[in-house]
Each structure stands twice: as structure tokens, then as C-alpha cells.
C-alpha atoms as a PDB file:
ATOM      1  CA  MET A   1      11.297  13.069  -1.173  1.00  0.00           C
ATOM      2  CA  GLY A   2      13.529  10.172  -2.341  1.00  0.00           C
ATOM      3  CA  ARG A   3      13.690   6.373  -2.806  1.00  0.00           C
ATOM      4  CA  TYR A   4      15.408   4.225  -0.230  1.00  0.00           C
ATOM      5  CA  ARG A   5      18.622   3.403  -2.048  1.00  0.00           C
ATOM      6  CA  PHE A   6      18.591  -0.409  -1.295  1.00  0.00           C
ATOM      7  CA  SER A   7      14.782  -0.725  -2.646  1.00  0.00           C
ATOM      8  CA  PRO A   8      13.729  -1.462  -6.049  1.00  0.00           C
ATOM      9  CA  ALA A   9      12.521   1.415  -8.151  1.00  0.00           C
ATOM     10  CA  PRO A  10       8.607   1.838  -8.464  1.00  0.00           C
ATOM     11  CA  GLY A  11       7.171  -0.587 -10.836  1.00  0.00           C
ATOM     12  CA  ALA A  12       9.912  -3.180 -10.341  1.00  0.00           C
ATOM     13  CA  PRO A  13       8.874  -6.844 -10.655  1.00  0.00           C
ATOM     14  CA  ALA A  14       9.540  -7.678  -7.077  1.00  0.00           C
ATOM     15  CA  GLY A  15      10.141  -6.148  -3.698  1.00  0.00           C
ATOM     16  CA  SER A  16       9.042  -3.293  -1.704  1.00  0.00           C
ATOM     17  CA  SER A  17       9.910   0.243  -3.415  1.00  0.00           C
ATOM     18  CA  VAL A  18      10.200   2.452  -0.425  1.00  0.00           C
ATOM     19  CA  LEU A  19       9.665   6.233  -0.871  1.00  0.00           C
ATOM     20  CA  VAL A  20      10.403   8.601   2.130  1.00  0.00           C
ATOM     21  CA  GLY A  21       9.866  12.272   2.616  1.00  0.00           C
ATOM     22  CA  HIS A  22       8.931  14.670   5.284  1.00  0.00           C
ATOM     23  CA  VAL A  23       5.410  15.519   6.288  1.00  0.00           C
ATOM     24  CA  ASP A  24       6.452  19.068   7.070  1.00  0.00           C
ATOM     25  CA  ALA A  25       9.499  21.298   7.907  1.00  0.00           C
ATOM     26  CA  THR A  26       9.988  24.310  10.151  1.00  0.00           C
ATOM     27  CA  GLY A  27       9.854  27.409   8.113  1.00  0.00           C
ATOM     28  CA  ARG A  28       8.953  25.499   4.925  1.00  0.00           C
ATOM     29  CA  GLY A  29       5.437  24.200   5.716  1.00  0.00           C
ATOM     30  CA  ARG A  30       3.807  21.016   4.368  1.00  0.00           C
ATOM     31  CA  GLY A  31       6.535  18.406   3.028  1.00  0.00           C
ATOM     32  CA  PRO A  32       6.358  16.335  -0.240  1.00  0.00           C
ATOM     33  CA  LEU A  33       4.571  13.474   1.521  1.00  0.00           C
ATOM     34  CA  ALA A  34       2.197  15.334   3.689  1.00  0.00           C
ATOM     35  CA  ALA A  35      -0.758  14.073   1.465  1.00  0.00           C
ATOM     36  CA  LEU A  36      -0.155  10.515   2.657  1.00  0.00           C
ATOM     37  CA  ALA A  37      -2.347  11.324   5.585  1.00  0.00           C
ATOM     38  CA  ASP A  38      -5.326  11.887   3.082  1.00  0.00           C
ATOM     39  CA  LEU A  39      -4.744   8.494   1.211  1.00  0.00           C
ATOM     40  CA  ARG A  40      -7.325   5.681   1.863  1.00  0.00           C
ATOM     41  CA  GLU A  41      -7.668   2.108   0.672  1.00  0.00           C
ATOM     42  CA  GLY A  42      -8.570   2.042  -2.981  1.00  0.00           C
ATOM     43  CA  ASP A  43      -6.893   5.458  -3.882  1.00  0.00           C
ATOM     44  CA  ARG A  44      -4.721   5.562  -6.797  1.00  0.00           C
ATOM     45  CA  VAL A  45      -0.922   6.649  -6.418  1.00  0.00           C
ATOM     46  CA  VAL A  46       1.024   7.592  -9.444  1.00  0.00           C
ATOM     47  CA  VAL A  47       4.866   7.813  -9.372  1.00  0.00           C
ATOM     48  CA  GLY A  48       6.902   9.445 -12.161  1.00  0.00           C
ATOM     49  CA  ARG A  49      10.004   7.591 -13.120  1.00  0.00           C
ATOM     50  CA  ARG A  50      13.359   8.880 -14.510  1.00  0.00           C
ATOM     51  CA  ASP A  51      12.601   7.635 -17.928  1.00  0.00           C
ATOM     52  CA  GLY A  52       9.439   9.746 -18.074  1.00  0.00           C
ATOM     53  CA  THR A  53       7.037   6.809 -17.567  1.00  0.00           C
ATOM     54  CA  THR A  54       4.907   6.276 -14.542  1.00  0.00           C
ATOM     55  CA  ALA A  55       3.947   3.477 -12.068  1.00  0.00           C
ATOM     56  CA  SER A  56       0.484   3.357 -10.924  1.00  0.00           C
ATOM     57  CA  SER A  57      -0.643   1.552  -7.806  1.00  0.00           C
ATOM     58  CA  ARG A  58      -3.674   1.317  -5.524  1.00  0.00           C
ATOM     59  CA  VAL A  59      -3.537   1.678  -1.704  1.00  0.00           C
ATOM     60  CA  THR A  60      -4.212  -1.548   0.003  1.00  0.00           C
ATOM     61  CA  ALA A  61      -3.248  -0.687   3.595  1.00  0.00           C
ATOM     62  CA  ARG A  62      -1.902   2.091   5.788  1.00  0.00           C
ATOM     63  CA  ARG A  63      -0.592   1.913   9.401  1.00  0.00           C
ATOM     64  CA  MET A  64       1.407   3.793  11.990  1.00  0.00           C
ATOM     65  CA  ILE A  65       4.599   2.340  13.166  1.00  0.00           C
ATOM     66  CA  ALA A  66       6.713   3.490  15.958  1.00  0.00           C
ATOM     67  CA  LYS A  67       9.974   5.027  14.674  1.00  0.00           C
ATOM     68  CA  ASP A  68      11.994   2.524  16.633  1.00  0.00           C
ATOM     69  CA  ALA A  69      10.120  -0.459  15.153  1.00  0.00           C
ATOM     70  CA  LEU A  70      10.248   0.603  11.452  1.00  0.00           C
ATOM     71  CA  ALA A  71      13.533  -1.290  10.558  1.00  0.00           C
ATOM     72  CA  ALA A  72      12.095  -4.566  11.755  1.00  0.00           C
ATOM     73  CA  SER A  73       8.578  -3.996  10.403  1.00  0.00           C
ATOM     74  CA  GLY A  74       9.271  -5.757   7.207  1.00  0.00           C
ATOM     75  CA  VAL A  75       8.677  -2.799   4.870  1.00  0.00           C
ATOM     76  CA  PHE A  76      12.300  -2.821   3.634  1.00  0.00           C
ATOM     77  CA  ARG A  77      12.317  -6.049   1.507  1.00  0.00           C
ATOM     78  CA  PRO A  78      14.051  -6.538  -1.815  1.00  0.00           C
ATOM     79  CA  GLU A  79      12.116  -9.572  -2.805  1.00  0.00           C
ATOM     80  CA  GLY A  80       8.534 -10.928  -2.821  1.00  0.00           C
ATOM     81  CA  SER A  81       5.278  -9.333  -4.303  1.00  0.00           C
ATOM     82  CA  PRO A  82       5.911  -5.952  -5.799  1.00  0.00           C
ATOM     83  CA  VAL A  83       4.500  -3.022  -3.683  1.00  0.00           C
ATOM     84  CA  LEU A  84       5.012   0.722  -3.376  1.00  0.00           C
ATOM     85  CA  THR A  85       5.706   1.746   0.201  1.00  0.00           C
ATOM     86  CA  PRO A  86       5.566   5.502   0.745  1.00  0.00           C
ATOM     87  CA  ILE A  87       6.589   6.509   4.374  1.00  0.00           C
ATOM     88  CA  THR A  88       6.473   9.847   6.148  1.00  0.00           C
ATOM     89  CA  CYS A  89       6.586  11.091   9.787  1.00  0.00           C
ATOM     90  CA  ALA A  90       3.176  10.992  11.816  1.00  0.00           C
ATOM     91  CA  GLY A  91       1.848  10.894  15.051  1.00  0.00           C
ATOM     92  CA  ARG A  92       2.783  13.308  17.998  1.00  0.00           C
ATOM     93  CA  TYR A  93       5.673  15.576  17.426  1.00  0.00           C
ATOM     94  CA  LEU A  94       7.834  15.749  20.612  1.00  0.00           C
ATOM     95  CA  ARG A  95      10.704  18.146  20.163  1.00  0.00           C
ATOM     96  CA  ASP A  96      12.766  16.998  23.302  1.00  0.00           C
ATOM     97  CA  GLU A  97      12.268  13.334  22.105  1.00  0.00           C
ATOM     98  CA  GLY A  98      13.568  13.744  18.574  1.00  0.00           C
ATOM     99  CA  GLY A  99      10.501  14.862  16.758  1.00  0.00           C
ATOM    100  CA  TYR A 100       7.858  12.800  15.437  1.00  0.00           C
ATOM    101  CA  GLN A 101       7.409   9.435  17.236  1.00  0.00           C
ATOM    102  CA  ASN A 102       5.863   7.454  14.544  1.00  0.00           C
ATOM    103  CA  ASP A 103       5.830   6.866  10.638  1.00  0.00           C
ATOM    104  CA  LEU A 104       2.783   6.420   8.430  1.00  0.00           C
ATOM    105  CA  VAL A 105       3.449   3.572   6.156  1.00  0.00           C
ATOM    106  CA  VAL A 106       1.265   3.333   3.102  1.00  0.00           C
ATOM    107  CA  THR A 107       1.205   0.024   0.968  1.00  0.00           C
ATOM    108  CA  ALA A 108       0.022   0.074  -2.662  1.00  0.00           C
ATOM    109  CA  VAL A 109      -0.003  -2.692  -5.310  1.00  0.00           C
ATOM    110  CA  GLU A 110       0.381  -2.219  -8.931  1.00  0.00           C
ATOM    111  CA  ALA A 111      -2.692  -1.144 -10.860  1.00  0.00           C
ATOM    112  CA  PRO A 112      -2.073  -0.358 -14.332  1.00  0.00           C
ATOM    113  CA  ARG A 113      -4.374   2.266 -15.888  1.00  0.00           C
END
């Protein structure tokens, strides 16, 4: 799992902090973001930061976006209200068409403890 390098860090004062990771991998089982499928509106998401602190957020939305529409979906934004945006593969897996056809995009807003 990692943060999209052009997005702000989790807990930044503005923009969409995008975290990406696999839902699963052949021979390795469930990936680091497989649990995104279980998140629902209101659930808490806590992200550890390099300095040892955490950023806490609450889920406000989740949606499926076709892989070829993700770039234009507005999830990659460096400005505006701060949100945490974890993304993983989802939907149908079609090996001959490049794998998963969609991405699960979760949006969470800051929710200090």
C-alpha cells in the first residue's frame, strides 16, 4: 500500500490524500486494502503517519468507478476540503481484459478522536 505521490499526506489541511493498494494478489491472498469492501458510511479509518502520529477519519461515501474513468473522477485533487481517499481494485476480474475492471473509492473526512 502507498500514498499517491502527488497527493497530500493524510491529515493535511487541504486536498485528497489518496492511498492505493491491491485487494488481492495471486499466491499472496488478500491485499492490504481488501478490508475497504467492508467499510460503510460512518466507520472510522485511522492511518499511521511517518512521525508516529495518526490521522483519524470517518467514511462519508464509497463508490465503484470504472478503471478507465478514475483519472477524470475528481479523486486526485491537491486542493479543496481535506479528505482521505483509499482506493483498491474491485468488481469483476477479467484476466484477458487486464484484471479488475473497477476501483472501489472510499471517501472519509477528518474525525479527531
